[in-house]
């Protein structure tokens, strides 16, 4: 079972995750895409990464924006290494 990370460790990791913030015990970021089709394609790519990790985001899509929130339910809805790993993968494909 994943363990919650200390806040200072999460804060340090955010230095390598531009635009991500720690809010309400979760990592959050809003992505602005070109249009709805691009937003949907981005979400599909994220879905494949999430499935590969066995760790799934909470997200919201309106037209060309996608807001992603990461926390680990099995760790009391706190941030774990799984969340950081998924955030890094999301960053890699967000370009």
Protein backbone atom coordinates (compact mmCIF):
# COMPACT_ATOMS: atom_id res chain seq x y z
CA UNK A 1 0.00 0.00 0.00
CA UNK A 2 1.41 3.43 -0.91
CA UNK A 3 2.34 5.73 1.94
CA UNK A 4 1.56 9.46 2.08
CA UNK A 5 4.60 11.64 1.44
CA UNK A 6 5.64 14.39 3.84
CA UNK A 7 4.59 17.87 2.65
CA UNK A 8 8.21 19.03 2.33
CA UNK A 9 9.00 16.14 0.00
CA UNK A 10 5.97 16.94 -2.16
CA UNK A 11 6.90 20.63 -2.22
CA UNK A 12 10.45 19.76 -3.31
CA UNK A 13 9.13 17.50 -6.09
CA UNK A 14 6.92 20.33 -7.40
CA UNK A 15 10.10 22.12 -8.51
CA UNK A 16 10.27 19.58 -11.35
CA UNK A 17 6.55 19.80 -12.15
CA UNK A 18 5.86 23.24 -13.64
CA UNK A 19 2.38 24.56 -13.00
CA UNK A 20 1.42 21.82 -10.54
CA UNK A 21 0.33 22.93 -7.07
CA UNK A 22 -0.38 21.17 -3.81
CA UNK A 23 -3.93 22.07 -2.82
CA UNK A 24 -6.24 20.27 -0.39
CA UNK A 25 -3.81 17.33 -0.10
CA UNK A 26 -3.73 16.79 -3.87
CA UNK A 27 -1.56 17.71 -6.83
CA UNK A 28 -3.50 19.89 -9.27
CA UNK A 29 -2.95 21.45 -12.66
CA UNK A 30 -5.11 22.86 -15.42
CA UNK A 31 -3.99 22.31 -19.00
CA UNK A 32 -5.15 24.56 -21.83
CA UNK A 33 -5.22 22.67 -25.13
CA UNK A 34 -5.81 23.91 -28.70
CA UNK A 35 -9.45 22.79 -28.88
CA UNK A 36 -11.82 20.08 -27.64
CA UNK A 37 -10.39 17.43 -29.95
CA UNK A 38 -6.85 18.10 -28.68
CA UNK A 39 -8.08 18.08 -25.06
CA UNK A 40 -9.76 14.72 -25.62
CA UNK A 41 -6.63 13.28 -27.28
CA UNK A 42 -4.56 14.51 -24.32
CA UNK A 43 -6.96 12.86 -21.88
CA UNK A 44 -6.72 9.62 -23.85
CA UNK A 45 -2.92 9.69 -23.67
CA UNK A 46 -3.10 10.37 -19.93
CA UNK A 47 -5.54 7.48 -19.54
CA UNK A 48 -3.02 5.06 -21.04
CA UNK A 49 -0.28 6.28 -18.68
CA UNK A 50 -2.63 6.08 -15.70
CA UNK A 51 -3.67 2.57 -16.61
CA UNK A 52 -0.03 1.50 -16.96
CA UNK A 53 0.60 2.70 -13.39
CA UNK A 54 -2.70 1.33 -12.09
CA UNK A 55 -3.34 4.81 -10.72
CA UNK A 56 -6.16 6.98 -12.03
CA UNK A 57 -6.68 10.74 -11.82
CA UNK A 58 -9.69 12.78 -10.94
CA UNK A 59 -10.24 15.18 -13.81
CA UNK A 60 -12.59 17.62 -15.39
CA UNK A 61 -12.84 18.72 -19.00
CA UNK A 62 -14.61 21.76 -20.40
CA UNK A 63 -14.04 22.45 -24.09
CA UNK A 64 -10.26 22.89 -24.38
CA UNK A 65 -9.27 22.81 -20.71
CA UNK A 66 -8.45 19.73 -18.69
CA UNK A 67 -8.03 20.01 -14.91
CA UNK A 68 -6.28 17.07 -13.28
CA UNK A 69 -6.18 16.27 -9.57
CA UNK A 70 -3.95 13.54 -8.17
CA UNK A 71 -4.10 11.91 -4.75
CA UNK A 72 -4.07 8.30 -3.63
CA UNK A 73 -7.35 6.97 -2.24
CA UNK A 74 -5.61 4.01 -0.57
CA UNK A 75 -3.43 6.47 1.35
CA UNK A 76 -6.28 8.52 2.77
CA UNK A 77 -6.50 10.79 -0.29
CA UNK A 78 -2.98 12.09 0.32
CA UNK A 79 -0.13 12.52 -2.17
CA UNK A 80 2.11 9.48 -2.65
CA UNK A 81 4.94 8.59 -4.99
CA UNK A 82 2.33 7.23 -7.42
CA UNK A 83 0.90 10.73 -7.80
CA UNK A 84 4.32 12.22 -8.47
CA UNK A 85 5.08 9.48 -10.99
CA UNK A 86 1.82 10.06 -12.84
CA UNK A 87 2.30 13.85 -12.78
CA UNK A 88 5.75 13.37 -14.35
CA UNK A 89 4.29 11.16 -17.07
CA UNK A 90 1.54 13.69 -17.71
CA UNK A 91 4.13 16.45 -18.06
CA UNK A 92 6.08 14.35 -20.54
CA UNK A 93 3.07 14.01 -22.84
CA UNK A 94 1.58 17.47 -22.33
CA UNK A 95 3.98 19.19 -24.74
